[in-house]
PDB file of N, CA and C in Angstrom:
ATOM      1  N   LEU A   1      70.506 127.085-119.543  1.00  0.00           N
ATOM      2  CA  LEU A   1      70.047 125.761-119.203  1.00  0.00           C
ATOM      3  C   LEU A   1      69.816 125.597-117.712  1.00  0.00           C
ATOM      4  N   LYS A   2      70.513 126.369-116.898  1.00  0.00           N
ATOM      5  CA  LYS A   2      70.351 126.242-115.451  1.00  0.00           C
ATOM      6  C   LYS A   2      68.930 126.556-115.008  1.00  0.00           C
ATOM      7  N   MET A   3      68.297 127.523-115.674  1.00  0.00           N
ATOM      8  CA  MET A   3      66.950 127.912-115.252  1.00  0.00           C
ATOM      9  C   MET A   3      65.928 126.809-115.529  1.00  0.00           C
ATOM     10  N   LEU A   4      66.259 125.840-116.396  1.00  0.00           N
ATOM     11  CA  LEU A   4      65.352 124.729-116.684  1.00  0.00           C
ATOM     12  C   LEU A   4      65.529 123.568-115.712  1.00  0.00           C
ATOM     13  N   HIS A   5      66.594 123.618-114.907  1.00  0.00           N
ATOM     14  CA  HIS A   5      66.831 122.537-113.954  1.00  0.00           C
ATOM     15  C   HIS A   5      65.666 122.432-112.970  1.00  0.00           C
ATOM     16  N   GLY A   6      65.073 121.271-112.887  1.00  0.00           N
ATOM     17  CA  GLY A   6      63.940 121.062-112.001  1.00  0.00           C
ATOM     18  C   GLY A   6      62.604 121.458-112.588  1.00  0.00           C
ATOM     19  N   CYS A   7      62.591 121.976-113.805  1.00  0.00           N
ATOM     20  CA  CYS A   7      61.329 122.344-114.458  1.00  0.00           C
ATOM     21  C   CYS A   7      60.546 121.065-114.727  1.00  0.00           C
ATOM     22  N   PRO A   8      59.284 120.990-114.310  1.00  0.00           N
ATOM     23  CA  PRO A   8      58.521 119.747-114.422  1.00  0.00           C
ATOM     24  C   PRO A   8      58.200 119.297-115.845  1.00  0.00           C
ATOM     25  N   VAL A   9      58.362 120.163-116.832  1.00  0.00           N
ATOM     26  CA  VAL A   9      58.009 119.787-118.208  1.00  0.00           C
ATOM     27  C   VAL A   9      59.232 119.625-119.107  1.00  0.00           C
ATOM     28  N   VAL A  10      60.423 119.597-118.511  1.00  0.00           N
ATOM     29  CA  VAL A  10      61.655 119.444-119.276  1.00  0.00           C
ATOM     30  C   VAL A  10      62.370 118.195-118.768  1.00  0.00           C
ATOM     31  N   CYS A  11      62.853 117.355-119.699  1.00  0.00           N
ATOM     32  CA  CYS A  11      63.549 116.144-119.264  1.00  0.00           C
ATOM     33  C   CYS A  11      64.805 116.524-118.482  1.00  0.00           C
ATOM     34  N   LYS A  12      65.238 115.609-117.627  1.00  0.00           N
ATOM     35  CA  LYS A  12      66.388 115.883-116.771  1.00  0.00           C
ATOM     36  C   LYS A  12      67.659 116.041-117.605  1.00  0.00           C
ATOM     37  N   ARG A  13      68.434 117.027-117.232  1.00  0.00           N
ATOM     38  CA  ARG A  13      69.716 117.271-117.882  1.00  0.00           C
ATOM     39  C   ARG A  13      70.798 116.862-116.896  1.00  0.00           C
ATOM     40  N   TYR A  14      71.677 115.961-117.336  1.00  0.00           N
ATOM     41  CA  TYR A  14      72.727 115.459-116.460  1.00  0.00           C
ATOM     42  C   TYR A  14      74.053 116.192-116.638  1.00  0.00           C
ATOM     43  N   TYR A  15      74.356 116.567-117.870  1.00  0.00           N
ATOM     44  CA  TYR A  15      75.640 117.191-118.121  1.00  0.00           C
ATOM     45  C   TYR A  15      75.597 117.900-119.469  1.00  0.00           C
ATOM     46  N   PHE A  16      76.392 118.924-119.612  1.00  0.00           N
ATOM     47  CA  PHE A  16      76.567 119.542-120.924  1.00  0.00           C
ATOM     48  C   PHE A  16      78.005 120.035-121.022  1.00  0.00           C
ATOM     49  N   GLY A  17      78.472 120.134-122.246  1.00  0.00           N
ATOM     50  CA  GLY A  17      79.843 120.584-122.429  1.00  0.00           C
ATOM     51  C   GLY A  17      80.148 120.847-123.888  1.00  0.00           C
ATOM     52  N   TYR A  18      81.418 121.012-124.166  1.00  0.00           N
ATOM     53  CA  TYR A  18      81.882 121.321-125.513  1.00  0.00           C
ATOM     54  C   TYR A  18      83.052 120.398-125.863  1.00  0.00           C
ATOM     55  N   GLN A  19      83.081 119.942-127.069  1.00  0.00           N
ATOM     56  CA  GLN A  19      84.187 119.138-127.588  1.00  0.00           C
ATOM     57  C   GLN A  19      84.509 119.670-128.978  1.00  0.00           C
ATOM     58  N   ASP A  20      85.705 120.153-129.160  1.00  0.00           N
ATOM     59  CA  ASP A  20      86.109 120.776-130.411  1.00  0.00           C
ATOM     60  C   ASP A  20      85.124 121.905-130.741  1.00  0.00           C
ATOM     61  N   ASN A  21      84.444 121.850-131.863  1.00  0.00           N
ATOM     62  CA  ASN A  21      83.493 122.893-132.261  1.00  0.00           C
ATOM     63  C   ASN A  21      82.048 122.497-131.995  1.00  0.00           C
ATOM     64  N   TYR A  22      81.825 121.498-131.150  1.00  0.00           N
ATOM     65  CA  TYR A  22      80.473 120.977-130.921  1.00  0.00           C
ATOM     66  C   TYR A  22      80.052 121.133-129.465  1.00  0.00           C
ATOM     67  N   ALA A  23      78.812 121.525-129.287  1.00  0.00           N
ATOM     68  CA  ALA A  23      78.214 121.551-127.954  1.00  0.00           C
ATOM     69  C   ALA A  23      77.378 120.290-127.813  1.00  0.00           C
ATOM     70  N   TYR A  24      77.305 119.733-126.610  1.00  0.00           N
ATOM     71  CA  TYR A  24      76.494 118.540-126.397  1.00  0.00           C
ATOM     72  C   TYR A  24      75.786 118.608-125.053  1.00  0.00           C
ATOM     73  N   ILE A  25      74.705 117.851-124.961  1.00  0.00           N
ATOM     74  CA  ILE A  25      73.908 117.761-123.745  1.00  0.00           C
ATOM     75  C   ILE A  25      73.630 116.287-123.483  1.00  0.00           C
ATOM     76  N   VAL A  26      73.821 115.851-122.247  1.00  0.00           N
ATOM     77  CA  VAL A  26      73.459 114.500-121.832  1.00  0.00           C
ATOM     78  C   VAL A  26      72.191 114.648-121.019  1.00  0.00           C
ATOM     79  N   MET A  27      71.097 114.040-121.512  1.00  0.00           N
ATOM     80  CA  MET A  27      69.811 114.206-120.840  1.00  0.00           C
ATOM     81  C   MET A  27      69.083 112.878-120.679  1.00  0.00           C
ATOM     82  N   GLU A  28      68.030 112.924-119.920  1.00  0.00           N
ATOM     83  CA  GLU A  28      67.192 111.763-119.647  1.00  0.00           C
ATOM     84  C   GLU A  28      66.684 111.134-120.943  1.00  0.00           C
ATOM     85  N   LEU A  29      66.717 109.816-120.997  1.00  0.00           N
ATOM     86  CA  LEU A  29      66.192 109.098-122.151  1.00  0.00           C
ATOM     87  C   LEU A  29      64.692 108.884-121.949  1.00  0.00           C
ATOM     88  N   LEU A  30      63.891 109.359-122.892  1.00  0.00           N
ATOM     89  CA  LEU A  30      62.448 109.170-122.835  1.00  0.00           C
ATOM     90  C   LEU A  30      62.110 107.946-123.683  1.00  0.00           C
ATOM     91  N   GLN A  31      62.007 106.799-123.050  1.00  0.00           N
ATOM     92  CA  GLN A  31      61.879 105.528-123.743  1.00  0.00           C
ATOM     93  C   GLN A  31      60.540 105.321-124.424  1.00  0.00           C
ATOM     94  N   THR A  32      59.561 106.110-124.088  1.00  0.00           N
ATOM     95  CA  THR A  32      58.234 105.915-124.685  1.00  0.00           C
ATOM     96  C   THR A  32      58.092 106.615-126.026  1.00  0.00           C
ATOM     97  N   GLY A  33      59.118 107.315-126.471  1.00  0.00           N
ATOM     98  CA  GLY A  33      59.075 107.936-127.787  1.00  0.00           C
ATOM     99  C   GLY A  33      58.602 109.372-127.753  1.00  0.00           C
ATOM    100  N   SER A  34      58.391 109.911-128.934  1.00  0.00           N
ATOM    101  CA  SER A  34      58.009 111.307-129.077  1.00  0.00           C
ATOM    102  C   SER A  34      56.584 111.417-129.610  1.00  0.00           C
ATOM    103  N   LEU A  35      56.126 112.638-129.707  1.00  0.00           N
ATOM    104  CA  LEU A  35      54.796 112.890-130.250  1.00  0.00           C
ATOM    105  C   LEU A  35      54.709 112.460-131.710  1.00  0.00           C
ATOM    106  N   SER A  36      55.817 112.503-132.425  1.00  0.00           N
ATOM    107  CA  SER A  36      55.815 112.039-133.822  1.00  0.00           C
ATOM    108  C   SER A  36      55.375 110.586-133.904  1.00  0.00           C
ATOM    109  N   LYS A  37      55.851 109.772-132.966  1.00  0.00           N
ATOM    110  CA  LYS A  37      55.490 108.350-132.944  1.00  0.00           C
ATOM    111  C   LYS A  37      53.993 108.172-132.698  1.00  0.00           C
ATOM    112  N   VAL A  38      53.451 108.946-131.791  1.00  0.00           N
ATOM    113  CA  VAL A  38      52.015 108.878-131.493  1.00  0.00           C
ATOM    114  C   VAL A  38      51.214 109.282-132.726  1.00  0.00           C
ATOM    115  N   ARG A  39      51.659 110.312-133.406  1.00  0.00           N
ATOM    116  CA  ARG A  39      50.974 110.781-134.617  1.00  0.00           C
ATOM    117  C   ARG A  39      50.986 109.690-135.692  1.00  0.00           C
ATOM    118  N   GLU A  40      52.111 109.018-135.848  1.00  0.00           N
ATOM    119  CA  GLU A  40      52.226 107.959-136.844  1.00  0.00           C
ATOM    120  C   GLU A  40      51.320 106.762-136.539  1.00  0.00           C
ATOM    121  N   GLU A  41      51.031 106.552-135.264  1.00  0.00           N
ATOM    122  CA  GLU A  41      50.178 105.433-134.861  1.00  0.00           C
ATOM    123  C   GLU A  41      48.706 105.693-135.159  1.00  0.00           C
ATOM    124  N   GLY A  42      48.361 106.917-135.525  1.00  0.00           N
ATOM    125  CA  GLY A  42      46.989 107.248-135.895  1.00  0.00           C
ATOM    126  C   GLY A  42      46.011 107.218-134.732  1.00  0.00           C
ATOM    127  N   ARG A  43      46.365 107.870-133.638  1.00  0.00           N
ATOM    128  CA  ARG A  43      45.483 107.926-132.465  1.00  0.00           C
ATOM    129  C   ARG A  43      44.247 108.767-132.759  1.00  0.00           C
ATOM    130  N   SER A  44      43.298 108.763-131.834  1.00  0.00           N
ATOM    131  CA  SER A  44      42.017 109.444-132.026  1.00  0.00           C
ATOM    132  C   SER A  44      42.172 110.971-132.050  1.00  0.00           C
ATOM    133  N   PRO A  45      41.261 111.660-132.732  1.00  0.00           N
ATOM    134  CA  PRO A  45      41.285 113.129-132.744  1.00  0.00           C
ATOM    135  C   PRO A  45      41.141 113.719-131.340  1.00  0.00           C
ATOM    136  N   ARG A  46      40.374 113.056-130.480  1.00  0.00           N
ATOM    137  CA  ARG A  46      40.197 113.543-129.107  1.00  0.00           C
ATOM    138  C   ARG A  46      41.534 113.529-128.368  1.00  0.00           C
ATOM    139  N   LEU A  47      42.284 112.429-128.501  1.00  0.00           N
ATOM    140  CA  LEU A  47      43.590 112.343-127.860  1.00  0.00           C
ATOM    141  C   LEU A  47      44.530 113.394-128.447  1.00  0.00           C
ATOM    142  N   ALA A  48      44.459 113.620-129.745  1.00  0.00           N
ATOM    143  CA  ALA A  48      45.298 114.644-130.390  1.00  0.00           C
ATOM    144  C   ALA A  48      45.014 116.013-129.777  1.00  0.00           C
ATOM    145  N   GLY A  49      43.754 116.307-129.520  1.00  0.00           N
ATOM    146  CA  GLY A  49      43.394 117.582-128.896  1.00  0.00           C
ATOM    147  C   GLY A  49      43.937 117.696-127.484  1.00  0.00           C
ATOM    148  N   MET A  50      43.854 116.613-126.707  1.00  0.00           N
ATOM    149  CA  MET A  50      44.381 116.624-125.341  1.00  0.00           C
ATOM    150  C   MET A  50      45.896 116.810-125.350  1.00  0.00           C
ATOM    151  N   VAL A  51      46.571 116.135-126.280  1.00  0.00           N
ATOM    152  CA  VAL A  51      48.022 116.282-126.388  1.00  0.00           C
ATOM    153  C   VAL A  51      48.372 117.713-126.783  1.00  0.00           C
ATOM    154  N   GLY A  52      47.620 118.283-127.712  1.00  0.00           N
ATOM    155  CA  GLY A  52      47.863 119.664-128.133  1.00  0.00           C
ATOM    156  C   GLY A  52      47.751 120.638-126.972  1.00  0.00           C
ATOM    157  N   LEU A  53      46.746 120.462-126.138  1.00  0.00           N
ATOM    158  CA  LEU A  53      46.586 121.333-124.971  1.00  0.00           C
ATOM    159  C   LEU A  53      47.731 121.150-123.986  1.00  0.00           C
ATOM    160  N   GLU A  54      48.169 119.912-123.818  1.00  0.00           N
ATOM    161  CA  GLU A  54      49.301 119.646-122.926  1.00  0.00           C
ATOM    162  C   GLU A  54      50.580 120.293-123.468  1.00  0.00           C
ATOM    163  N   MET A  55      50.767 120.249-124.776  1.00  0.00           N
ATOM    164  CA  MET A  55      51.930 120.888-125.392  1.00  0.00           C
ATOM    165  C   MET A  55      51.915 122.390-125.129  1.00  0.00           C
ATOM    166  N   LEU A  56      50.747 123.003-125.278  1.00  0.00           N
ATOM    167  CA  LEU A  56      50.633 124.444-125.018  1.00  0.00           C
ATOM    168  C   LEU A  56      50.942 124.769-123.561  1.00  0.00           C
ATOM    169  N   ARG A  57      50.513 123.891-122.647  1.00  0.00           N
ATOM    170  CA  ARG A  57      50.808 124.075-121.221  1.00  0.00           C
ATOM    171  C   ARG A  57      52.323 124.057-121.002  1.00  0.00           C
ATOM    172  N   CYS A  58      52.999 123.101-121.618  1.00  0.00           N
ATOM    173  CA  CYS A  58      54.458 122.998-121.482  1.00  0.00           C
ATOM    174  C   CYS A  58      55.149 124.241-122.033  1.00  0.00           C
ATOM    175  N   ILE A  59      54.718 124.675-123.197  1.00  0.00           N
ATOM    176  CA  ILE A  59      55.316 125.864-123.812  1.00  0.00           C
ATOM    177  C   ILE A  59      55.087 127.089-122.928  1.00  0.00           C
ATOM    178  N   ARG A  60      53.902 127.213-122.363  1.00  0.00           N
ATOM    179  CA  ARG A  60      53.593 128.350-121.481  1.00  0.00           C
ATOM    180  C   ARG A  60      54.536 128.363-120.272  1.00  0.00           C
ATOM    181  N   ILE A  61      54.789 127.197-119.685  1.00  0.00           N
ATOM    182  CA  ILE A  61      55.685 127.116-118.522  1.00  0.00           C
ATOM    183  C   ILE A  61      57.094 127.544-118.912  1.00  0.00           C
ATOM    184  N   ILE A  62      57.580 127.050-120.040  1.00  0.00           N
ATOM    185  CA  ILE A  62      58.928 127.408-120.484  1.00  0.00           C
ATOM    186  C   ILE A  62      59.012 128.896-120.807  1.00  0.00           C
ATOM    187  N   HIS A  63      57.983 129.451-121.437  1.00  0.00           N
ATOM    188  CA  HIS A  63      57.974 130.892-121.734  1.00  0.00           C
ATOM    189  C   HIS A  63      57.965 131.717-120.454  1.00  0.00           C
ATOM    190  N   SER A  64      57.299 131.218-119.418  1.00  0.00           N
ATOM    191  CA  SER A  64      57.256 131.962-118.152  1.00  0.00           C
ATOM    192  C   SER A  64      58.637 132.072-117.519  1.00  0.00           C
ATOM    193  N   LEU A  65      59.561 131.187-117.917  1.00  0.00           N
ATOM    194  CA  LEU A  65      60.942 131.247-117.427  1.00  0.00           C
ATOM    195  C   LEU A  65      61.813 132.156-118.284  1.00  0.00           C
ATOM    196  N   GLY A  66      61.203 132.758-119.317  1.00  0.00           N
ATOM    197  CA  GLY A  66      61.931 133.668-120.180  1.00  0.00           C
ATOM    198  C   GLY A  66      62.639 132.979-121.333  1.00  0.00           C
ATOM    199  N   ILE A  67      62.259 131.745-121.625  1.00  0.00           N
ATOM    200  CA  ILE A  67      62.907 130.984-122.696  1.00  0.00           C
ATOM    201  C   ILE A  67      61.960 130.867-123.881  1.00  0.00           C
ATOM    202  N   ILE A  68      62.468 131.134-125.056  1.00  0.00           N
ATOM    203  CA  ILE A  68      61.705 130.988-126.294  1.00  0.00           C
ATOM    204  C   ILE A  68      62.294 129.806-127.056  1.00  0.00           C
ATOM    205  N   HIS A  69      61.488 128.780-127.279  1.00  0.00           N
ATOM    206  CA  HIS A  69      61.936 127.600-128.029  1.00  0.00           C
ATOM    207  C   HIS A  69      61.696 127.886-129.504  1.00  0.00           C
ATOM    208  N   ARG A  70      62.742 127.820-130.302  1.00  0.00           N
ATOM    209  CA  ARG A  70      62.618 128.200-131.712  1.00  0.00           C
ATOM    210  C   ARG A  70      62.471 127.009-132.649  1.00  0.00           C
ATOM    211  N   ASP A  71      62.234 125.825-132.108  1.00  0.00           N
ATOM    212  CA  ASP A  71      62.103 124.645-132.958  1.00  0.00           C
ATOM    213  C   ASP A  71      60.998 123.743-132.426  1.00  0.00           C
ATOM    214  N   ILE A  72      59.789 124.291-132.340  1.00  0.00           N
ATOM    215  CA  ILE A  72      58.655 123.527-131.817  1.00  0.00           C
ATOM    216  C   ILE A  72      58.120 122.631-132.921  1.00  0.00           C
ATOM    217  N   LYS A  73      58.167 121.321-132.660  1.00  0.00           N
ATOM    218  CA  LYS A  73      57.664 120.322-133.609  1.00  0.00           C
ATOM    219  C   LYS A  73      57.383 119.039-132.839  1.00  0.00           C
ATOM    220  N   PRO A  74      56.571 118.140-133.392  1.00  0.00           N
ATOM    221  CA  PRO A  74      56.195 116.920-132.669  1.00  0.00           C
ATOM    222  C   PRO A  74      57.374 116.100-132.152  1.00  0.00           C
ATOM    223  N   SER A  75      58.443 116.001-132.900  1.00  0.00           N
ATOM    224  CA  SER A  75      59.569 115.167-132.462  1.00  0.00           C
ATOM    225  C   SER A  75      60.338 115.763-131.281  1.00  0.00           C
ATOM    226  N   ASN A  76      60.062 117.033-130.938  1.00  0.00           N
ATOM    227  CA  ASN A  76      60.709 117.647-129.783  1.00  0.00           C
ATOM    228  C   ASN A  76      59.865 117.536-128.511  1.00  0.00           C
ATOM    229  N   PHE A  77      58.769 116.825-128.573  1.00  0.00           N
ATOM    230  CA  PHE A  77      57.953 116.573-127.391  1.00  0.00           C
ATOM    231  C   PHE A  77      58.003 115.086-127.089  1.00  0.00           C
ATOM    232  N   GLY A  78      58.503 114.749-125.918  1.00  0.00           N
ATOM    233  CA  GLY A  78      58.592 113.348-125.516  1.00  0.00           C
ATOM    234  C   GLY A  78      57.615 113.051-124.402  1.00  0.00           C
ATOM    235  N   PHE A  79      57.498 111.789-124.092  1.00  0.00           N
ATOM    236  CA  PHE A  79      56.582 111.345-123.046  1.00  0.00           C
ATOM    237  C   PHE A  79      57.360 110.622-121.967  1.00  0.00           C
ATOM    238  N   PRO A  80      57.201 111.040-120.700  1.00  0.00           N
ATOM    239  CA  PRO A  80      57.901 110.343-119.618  1.00  0.00           C
ATOM    240  C   PRO A  80      57.342 108.939-119.426  1.00  0.00           C
ATOM    241  N   ALA A  81      58.182 108.005-118.967  1.00  0.00           N
ATOM    242  CA  ALA A  81      57.741 106.629-118.742  1.00  0.00           C
ATOM    243  C   ALA A  81      56.644 106.583-117.682  1.00  0.00           C
ATOM    244  N   LYS A  82      56.780 107.379-116.624  1.00  0.00           N
ATOM    245  CA  LYS A  82      55.785 107.420-115.551  1.00  0.00           C
ATOM    246  C   LYS A  82      54.997 108.714-115.690  1.00  0.00           C
ATOM    247  N   ARG A  83      53.868 108.645-116.351  1.00  0.00           N
ATOM    248  CA  ARG A  83      53.062 109.853-116.523  1.00  0.00           C
ATOM    249  C   ARG A  83      51.720 109.674-115.831  1.00  0.00           C
ATOM    250  N   ARG A  84      51.191 110.780-115.378  1.00  0.00           N
ATOM    251  CA  ARG A  84      49.912 110.758-114.655  1.00  0.00           C
ATOM    252  C   ARG A  84      48.735 110.643-115.603  1.00  0.00           C
ATOM    253  N   ARG A  85      48.901 111.152-116.824  1.00  0.00           N
ATOM    254  CA  ARG A  85      47.819 111.122-117.811  1.00  0.00           C
ATOM    255  C   ARG A  85      48.375 110.504-119.087  1.00  0.00           C
ATOM    256  N   PRO A  86      47.565 109.828-119.890  1.00  0.00           N
ATOM    257  CA  PRO A  86      48.093 109.171-121.092  1.00  0.00           C
ATOM    258  C   PRO A  86      48.644 110.133-122.127  1.00  0.00           C
ATOM    259  N   TYR A  87      48.339 111.417-121.996  1.00  0.00           N
ATOM    260  CA  TYR A  87      48.778 112.410-122.977  1.00  0.00           C
ATOM    261  C   TYR A  87      49.812 113.367-122.416  1.00  0.00           C
ATOM    262  N   GLU A  88      50.336 113.076-121.233  1.00  0.00           N
ATOM    263  CA  GLU A  88      51.276 114.005-120.602  1.00  0.00           C
ATOM    264  C   GLU A  88      52.597 114.061-121.354  1.00  0.00           C
ATOM    265  N   CYS A  89      53.039 115.262-121.686  1.00  0.00           N
ATOM    266  CA  CYS A  89      54.330 115.461-122.367  1.00  0.00           C
ATOM    267  C   CYS A  89      55.412 115.648-121.327  1.00  0.00           C
TER     268      CYS A  89
END
């Protein structure tokens, strides 16, 4: 997790630890929701394509750090409150 600290496409991580048999992470709350919410709202196909390209960009950055995400799905992509583009993940 340390290698993701400061990564521009990963939400901020404040703390992580273990309690009994459980691991936990305290991270930034993305109040604008996830990609699943956008999909449910029925946005345009053009916006879906832009979001898809942005998702691939994020995955490429994380892979360049040597990390393989094994649970890629719409609900694991969030949107920051202050984004430069309407489709920024």
